[in-house]
Structures are given as structure tokens and as C-alpha cells.
Amino acid sequence: MGWEQALRLWRSPVAADSTSARVAAERRAQMSVVRAVSLCMASGKGGTGKSIVTASLADEFGARGRTLIVDADMGVGNAHILQNTAPERSFVDVVAHRCSVAQARTVCTPTIDLVGGGSGVSQMSALNARDVARIAHGLGEVESEYDYVLVDSAAGISDQTVSFAAACDAVLIVTTPDVTAMTDAYAFIKVLHARRAELVPWLVVNRISSDDGPEHDAQHVSERISRVCEKFLALRPVMLGAIPDDRAVPRSVAQRRSVVQAAPHSNAAAALTALAREVAVRLSGVPRGGVGRRLARGLEAAE
């Protein structure tokens, strides 16, 4: 699908009068403006804590500027839970042409908005090119209103999941010391590298426990993943931090809040706050490509 073809799909089937021409020009202008820097939280395996990290980063970044959370786990989205919201609309409605991405946004705080994924909607996990194009265009229209776009991706290495990650300016891989989580983290990095070789992923190790022995040390986990990446991909992920196993985390989930908000003095909150500072510094030097625009161009390249 070419870029102009995608634009034609997004436009309403109306007569080519001056009004429709003006709307089309405005849409193209919106897609050309980029303001937000985008970060995708990803993992090869479910249950590593992507949504926990996303929620806390959103709270930290929300204090710095306007932040949009994009729940890209389209079929079983749950990012809204830690924002204590119940979105009336989601990407399901966007794909069904019931609303635009802008209209699907839910206000979480004065500086944080969210676009929710579907809950138990199986077809959302394998969208066609037309549906992804509609989402890409919608994101391109709204992202200029934000300073940060945080994408909470689905687990695994599906084409759709990797496409969202590859469209972001930076990717943070969330893993744990579990062997399967490390293996799947490498699998995700491998597929992402094949899609966008110039993107060097960042890494955070969650649920670190000093009681589990040296093999569960964050640096040990990071080195194991990095050695494999260097050997087979000539790539070394950048280790940004570690988050301790902390009872405050499940308690904060039960309260439907991020851990930095629910338990700001906990060890996990301290680690996440430090992670947010490090990520913010690194994002300040990342070129902003526009997640919507890059996602749409990825469709064009796939044709």
C-alpha cells in the first residue's frame, strides 16, 4: 500500500470540493508535524511487567509534559486498569469507524491521556493493512499535541506487535531473570532488529531478588542477553536499570494505580523513578520520527 493509497483510504468518500480539499490538506499537514517522542515497552513473553513500567513512566513523564498512553495490546488491552479508568471508546471503535483516534482518547489526569485496546476482541490481534492505516493516521493527527507517547505493546513477536515497536523512536525491553523471559526477550530483539536494524533497544530487568542467587542479578541477566545479541546480531542492548521484586507492586495493581503513585517510598517506586530519569535523558537525544507516520510508512514498505 503506497502513502497516497493510505491517504485515500482515510479520506471520506465525498465530492472533491473545496471543503474536502482543505480537510485533506490539513490532514497531510498534521501528519508532517512531529512533536512527541515515542517509547515502546515490549517483551517477548507476557507477565514481565510492561504495563507496570508503562504506568509509572506515564506518571513520571506526566509531570514533565503531556503524555499519551497507547495500549497496543489490541486484543486484551489492560493499560487502563492502572490509570483507574474505564474507557468508553477504544481502538475497537476506531477500527469499526465509530470514532477517530482523537475521539477514542480517555483523560486520565490533566497531563495524561490514554487510547485503550480491546478487551477479549480476538480479531484486534491481527488487523489488516487498512485498519492499521486508520490507526496510524489517527495517531499521526494527535501526537503533535503531546510531549511523550508511551506504547504498551502486546507480548510476543507477531507482525502487528513488532510493527508498533519498530514505529517508535525508542524501544524498552522489559524482562525478568526467568530463563523463558530472557529467551523470549532475545527473540523479540532479533525480530525487531530484522525490521529496523539501526534501532538499538534498551533493557530493564524486573523482579530482581537478592534471595534467588547471583544468577538472578540484573547485571548477570543483562550480560546473558547481550552476549547472545552480540554473537548473532552484532548488537548490544543498552542496560538502563533494574526493578526489585516488591510487594508494593501487586498492592498498587489492586488499587488500580501505578506503584510510584500508590507507594512512592517503596523500593520498586524508587527504581522506577530512577529509570524514568534515565529514559527521559536518553529520549531527549533521540530523533523524533512520529509513531503514526512511521507506522504508516511501514505499511508502504511491506507492500
Protein backbone atom coordinates (compact mmCIF):
# COMPACT_ATOMS: atom_id res chain seq x y z
CA MET A 1 0.00 0.00 0.00
CA GLY A 2 1.52 3.34 -1.06
CA TRP A 3 1.39 6.51 1.01
CA GLU A 4 -1.12 8.18 -1.27
CA GLN A 5 -3.21 4.99 -1.30
CA ALA A 6 -3.29 5.05 2.51
CA LEU A 7 -4.39 8.68 2.46
CA ARG A 8 -7.22 7.81 0.07
CA LEU A 9 -8.39 5.06 2.44
CA TRP A 10 -8.53 7.53 5.31
CA ARG A 11 -10.48 10.17 3.42
CA SER A 12 -14.27 10.17 3.39
CA PRO A 13 -15.89 9.31 0.03
CA VAL A 14 -17.20 12.83 -0.66
CA ALA A 15 -17.11 15.06 -3.70
CA ALA A 16 -13.79 16.74 -4.36
CA ASP A 17 -14.96 20.23 -3.45
CA SER A 18 -13.04 22.99 -1.71
CA THR A 19 -14.03 21.78 1.78
CA SER A 20 -12.80 18.22 1.26
CA ALA A 21 -9.60 19.53 -0.32
CA ARG A 22 -9.00 21.75 2.71
CA VAL A 23 -9.60 18.84 5.11
CA ALA A 24 -7.21 16.62 3.15
CA ALA A 25 -4.56 19.35 3.22
CA GLU A 26 -4.99 19.77 6.96
CA ARG A 27 -4.58 16.02 7.48
CA ARG A 28 -1.38 15.95 5.44
CA ALA A 29 -0.06 18.91 7.42
CA GLN A 30 -0.87 17.18 10.72
CA MET A 31 0.99 14.07 9.62
CA SER A 32 4.04 16.16 8.75
CA VAL A 33 4.25 17.79 12.19
CA VAL A 34 6.00 15.80 14.90
CA ARG A 35 6.26 16.85 18.49
CA ALA A 36 6.05 13.82 20.78
CA VAL A 37 8.92 11.42 21.30
CA SER A 38 7.68 7.83 21.35
CA LEU A 39 8.77 4.90 23.51
CA CYS A 40 7.51 1.33 23.23
CA MET A 41 7.52 -1.03 26.22
CA ALA A 42 7.99 -4.52 24.79
CA SER A 43 8.81 -8.10 25.72
CA GLY A 44 8.82 -11.47 24.08
CA LYS A 45 6.89 -13.01 26.98
CA GLY A 46 3.77 -11.97 28.83
CA GLY A 47 3.82 -11.17 32.53
CA THR A 48 7.17 -9.38 32.66
CA GLY A 49 5.64 -6.13 33.91
CA LYS A 50 5.36 -3.96 30.78
CA SER A 51 2.15 -2.32 31.97
CA ILE A 52 3.63 -1.71 35.43
CA VAL A 53 6.58 0.08 33.83
CA THR A 54 4.36 1.99 31.39
CA ALA A 55 2.06 3.28 34.13
CA SER A 56 4.91 4.51 36.30
CA LEU A 57 6.75 6.14 33.41
CA ALA A 58 3.49 7.84 32.42
CA ASP A 59 3.15 9.33 35.91
CA GLU A 60 6.76 10.49 35.88
CA PHE A 61 6.59 11.91 32.35
CA GLY A 62 3.19 13.46 33.02
CA ALA A 63 4.95 15.77 35.46
CA ARG A 64 7.25 16.86 32.62
CA GLY A 65 4.75 17.31 29.81
CA ARG A 66 1.62 15.99 28.12
CA THR A 67 1.74 12.22 27.79
CA LEU A 68 -0.31 9.79 25.71
CA ILE A 69 -0.51 6.10 26.60
CA VAL A 70 -1.25 3.87 23.61
CA ASP A 71 -2.46 0.41 24.57
CA ALA A 72 -1.19 -1.58 21.59
CA ASP A 73 -2.24 -4.89 23.13
CA MET A 74 -5.25 -4.62 20.87
CA GLY A 75 -7.00 -7.87 21.79
CA VAL A 76 -6.55 -7.92 25.58
CA GLY A 77 -5.64 -4.37 26.50
CA ASN A 78 -5.34 -3.57 30.19
CA ALA A 79 -3.31 -0.35 30.37
CA HIS A 80 -6.44 1.47 31.52
CA ILE A 81 -6.56 -0.54 34.75
CA LEU A 82 -3.53 1.16 36.28
CA GLN A 83 -5.00 4.52 35.32
CA ASN A 84 -8.20 3.63 37.20
CA THR A 85 -10.31 4.43 34.17
CA ALA A 86 -12.98 2.65 32.16
CA PRO A 87 -12.67 3.97 28.58
CA GLU A 88 -15.97 4.43 26.77
CA ARG A 89 -14.19 4.04 23.43
CA SER A 90 -11.07 2.20 22.29
CA PHE A 91 -9.16 1.13 19.20
CA VAL A 92 -12.01 -1.32 18.59
CA ASP A 93 -14.27 1.66 17.87
CA VAL A 94 -11.60 3.30 15.71
CA VAL A 95 -11.29 0.20 13.52
CA ALA A 96 -15.10 -0.07 13.32
CA HIS A 97 -15.27 3.57 12.10
CA ARG A 98 -17.36 4.57 15.10
CA CYS A 99 -14.85 7.25 16.10
CA SER A 100 -11.42 8.65 15.37
CA VAL A 101 -8.31 8.08 17.48
CA ALA A 102 -8.73 11.60 18.83
CA GLN A 103 -12.27 10.79 19.93
CA ALA A 104 -11.17 7.47 21.47
CA ARG A 105 -8.89 9.17 23.98
CA THR A 106 -9.67 8.95 27.68
CA VAL A 107 -8.45 11.65 30.05
CA CYS A 108 -6.61 10.03 32.97
CA THR A 109 -5.09 13.12 34.59
CA PRO A 110 -4.69 16.74 33.45
CA THR A 111 -1.49 15.71 31.62
CA ILE A 112 -2.08 12.03 30.77
CA ASP A 113 -4.45 10.65 28.14
CA LEU A 114 -4.95 7.06 27.04
CA VAL A 115 -6.23 5.22 23.99
CA GLY A 116 -7.36 1.80 25.16
CA GLY A 117 -7.09 -1.54 23.41
CA GLY A 118 -9.89 -4.02 23.06
CA SER A 119 -10.70 -6.47 25.83
CA GLY A 120 -11.34 -10.00 24.64
CA VAL A 121 -11.69 -8.99 20.98
CA SER A 122 -9.69 -11.63 19.13
CA GLN A 123 -9.79 -10.03 15.69
CA MET A 124 -7.94 -6.98 17.06
CA SER A 125 -4.77 -9.04 17.44
CA ALA A 126 -4.48 -9.49 13.66
CA LEU A 127 -5.62 -6.31 11.96
CA ASN A 128 -5.49 -5.88 8.21
CA ALA A 129 -3.47 -3.14 6.50
CA ARG A 130 -6.49 -0.87 6.13
CA ASP A 131 -7.23 -0.99 9.87
CA VAL A 132 -3.62 -0.36 10.84
CA ALA A 133 -3.52 2.52 8.36
CA ARG A 134 -6.54 4.10 10.03
CA ILE A 135 -4.85 3.79 13.44
CA ALA A 136 -1.56 5.14 12.06
CA HIS A 137 -3.27 8.16 10.56
CA GLY A 138 -5.17 8.83 13.78
CA LEU A 139 -2.02 8.67 15.87
CA GLY A 140 -0.29 10.96 13.41
CA GLU A 141 -3.07 13.50 13.86
CA VAL A 142 -2.91 13.63 17.66
CA GLU A 143 0.72 13.01 18.57
CA SER A 144 1.70 16.61 17.87
CA GLU A 145 -0.38 17.54 20.93
CA TYR A 146 1.93 15.59 23.27
CA ASP A 147 5.48 15.60 24.56
CA TYR A 148 5.59 11.83 25.10
CA VAL A 149 3.83 8.84 23.54
CA LEU A 150 4.19 5.61 25.53
CA VAL A 151 3.20 2.43 23.69
CA ASP A 152 2.30 -0.52 25.92
CA SER A 153 2.70 -3.33 23.42
CA ALA A 154 1.38 -6.86 23.31
CA ALA A 155 3.71 -9.69 24.32
CA GLY A 156 5.20 -11.89 21.64
CA ILE A 157 6.64 -11.35 18.19
CA SER A 158 3.58 -11.06 15.97
CA ASP A 159 3.95 -8.84 12.92
CA GLN A 160 1.49 -6.36 14.37
CA THR A 161 3.33 -6.14 17.70
CA VAL A 162 6.73 -5.70 16.08
CA SER A 163 5.30 -3.09 13.68
CA PHE A 164 4.23 -0.88 16.59
CA ALA A 165 7.61 -1.27 18.28
CA ALA A 166 9.53 -0.52 15.07
CA ALA A 167 7.42 2.61 14.55
CA CYS A 168 8.55 4.12 17.86
CA ASP A 169 11.59 6.32 18.37
CA ALA A 170 12.91 4.02 21.11
CA VAL A 171 12.10 0.57 22.50
CA LEU A 172 12.48 -0.56 26.11
CA ILE A 173 12.58 -4.35 26.51
CA VAL A 174 11.15 -5.43 29.87
CA THR A 175 12.37 -8.83 31.03
CA THR A 176 12.83 -10.82 34.24
CA PRO A 177 15.51 -13.28 35.42
CA ASP A 178 13.27 -16.15 34.34
CA VAL A 179 15.02 -18.19 31.63
CA THR A 180 12.00 -18.19 29.35
CA ALA A 181 11.64 -14.41 29.70
CA MET A 182 15.29 -13.91 28.75
CA THR A 183 14.97 -16.27 25.80
CA ASP A 184 11.86 -14.51 24.58
CA ALA A 185 13.46 -11.09 25.10
CA TYR A 186 16.22 -12.13 22.70
CA ALA A 187 13.63 -13.45 20.24
CA PHE A 188 11.90 -10.07 20.25
CA ILE A 189 15.17 -8.19 19.79
CA LYS A 190 16.07 -10.49 16.88
CA VAL A 191 12.79 -9.85 15.05
CA LEU A 192 12.91 -6.11 15.79
CA HIS A 193 16.49 -5.96 14.51
CA ALA A 194 15.42 -7.61 11.25
CA ARG A 195 12.70 -4.97 10.87
CA ARG A 196 14.74 -1.92 11.88
CA ALA A 197 18.45 -2.68 12.23
CA GLU A 198 19.54 0.83 13.26
CA LEU A 199 17.38 0.78 16.40
CA VAL A 200 19.35 -0.30 19.48
CA PRO A 201 16.88 -1.45 22.15
CA TRP A 202 17.11 -0.52 25.82
CA LEU A 203 16.75 -3.11 28.55
CA VAL A 204 15.30 -3.14 32.08
CA VAL A 205 15.27 -6.22 34.31
CA ASN A 206 12.19 -6.54 36.51
CA ARG A 207 11.56 -8.59 39.66
CA ILE A 208 15.14 -8.78 40.85
CA SER A 209 15.52 -10.63 44.18
CA SER A 210 18.78 -10.92 46.09
CA ASP A 211 17.42 -14.07 47.75
CA ASP A 212 17.42 -16.01 44.48
CA GLY A 213 21.19 -16.18 43.97
CA PRO A 214 23.70 -14.46 41.67
CA GLU A 215 22.10 -15.83 38.51
CA HIS A 216 19.17 -13.51 39.22
CA ASP A 217 21.37 -10.42 39.49
CA ALA A 218 20.31 -7.74 37.00
CA GLN A 219 23.78 -7.34 35.55
CA HIS A 220 24.06 -11.09 35.09
CA VAL A 221 20.73 -11.19 33.26
CA SER A 222 21.71 -8.24 31.08
CA GLU A 223 25.06 -9.80 30.19
CA ARG A 224 23.47 -13.10 29.20
CA ILE A 225 21.09 -11.37 26.81
CA SER A 226 23.79 -9.06 25.49
CA ARG A 227 26.25 -11.87 24.78
CA VAL A 228 23.71 -13.69 22.64
CA CYS A 229 22.77 -10.47 20.83
CA GLU A 230 26.41 -9.65 20.15
CA LYS A 231 27.15 -13.13 18.87
CA PHE A 232 24.23 -13.48 16.49
CA LEU A 233 23.12 -9.90 15.76
CA ALA A 234 26.30 -7.83 16.27
CA LEU A 235 24.14 -5.74 18.60
CA ARG A 236 24.37 -4.90 22.29
CA PRO A 237 21.21 -3.68 24.07
CA VAL A 238 21.68 -0.77 26.46
CA MET A 239 21.02 -1.72 30.09
CA LEU A 240 19.08 1.09 31.79
CA GLY A 241 18.17 -0.35 35.17
CA ALA A 242 16.62 -2.97 37.39
CA ILE A 243 13.41 -3.12 39.40
CA PRO A 244 13.33 -5.17 42.61
CA ASP A 245 10.67 -7.72 43.42
CA ASP A 246 8.44 -5.72 45.74
CA ARG A 247 5.10 -6.47 47.42
CA ALA A 248 4.14 -2.86 46.81
CA VAL A 249 3.66 -3.67 43.13
CA PRO A 250 0.73 -6.13 43.41
CA ARG A 251 -0.80 -3.89 46.08
CA SER A 252 -0.68 -0.93 43.69
CA VAL A 253 -2.28 -3.02 40.94
CA ALA A 254 -5.11 -3.93 43.32
CA GLN A 255 -5.60 -0.18 43.86
CA ARG A 256 -5.58 0.38 40.08
CA ARG A 257 -2.67 2.81 40.37
CA SER A 258 0.97 2.91 39.36
CA VAL A 259 3.44 1.92 42.06
CA VAL A 260 5.12 5.35 42.01
CA GLN A 261 1.75 6.86 42.83
CA ALA A 262 0.42 4.24 45.26
CA ALA A 263 3.68 3.50 47.10
CA PRO A 264 6.14 6.32 46.32
CA HIS A 265 8.53 5.31 49.12
CA SER A 266 8.79 1.66 48.09
CA ASN A 267 11.93 0.14 46.59
CA ALA A 268 10.14 -0.55 43.31
CA ALA A 269 8.96 3.06 43.07
CA ALA A 270 12.48 4.34 43.69
CA ALA A 271 13.83 2.11 40.92
CA LEU A 272 11.09 3.16 38.50
CA THR A 273 11.65 6.83 39.27
CA ALA A 274 15.37 6.39 38.58
CA LEU A 275 14.50 4.53 35.37
CA ALA A 276 12.22 7.37 34.28
CA ARG A 277 15.00 9.91 34.79
CA GLU A 278 17.43 7.83 32.74
CA VAL A 279 14.90 7.24 29.98
CA ALA A 280 13.98 10.94 29.85
CA VAL A 281 17.62 11.93 29.41
CA ARG A 282 18.10 9.42 26.61
CA LEU A 283 14.84 10.34 24.88
CA SER A 284 15.93 13.97 24.78
CA GLY A 285 18.63 12.98 22.30
CA VAL A 286 16.50 10.66 20.14
CA PRO A 287 15.35 11.93 16.71
CA ARG A 288 11.56 12.18 16.60
CA GLY A 289 10.14 10.32 13.64
CA GLY A 290 6.46 10.25 14.59
CA VAL A 291 4.97 6.91 15.57
CA GLY A 292 1.91 7.39 13.36
CA ARG A 293 3.90 8.46 10.33
CA ARG A 294 6.49 5.68 10.75
CA LEU A 295 3.77 3.07 11.26
CA ALA A 296 2.11 4.15 8.02
CA ARG A 297 5.40 4.06 6.14
CA GLY A 298 5.99 0.57 7.46
CA LEU A 299 2.78 -0.47 5.70
CA GLU A 300 4.06 1.04 2.48
CA ALA A 301 7.38 -0.83 2.79
CA ALA A 302 5.55 -4.12 3.38
CA GLU A 303 3.74 -3.89 0.06
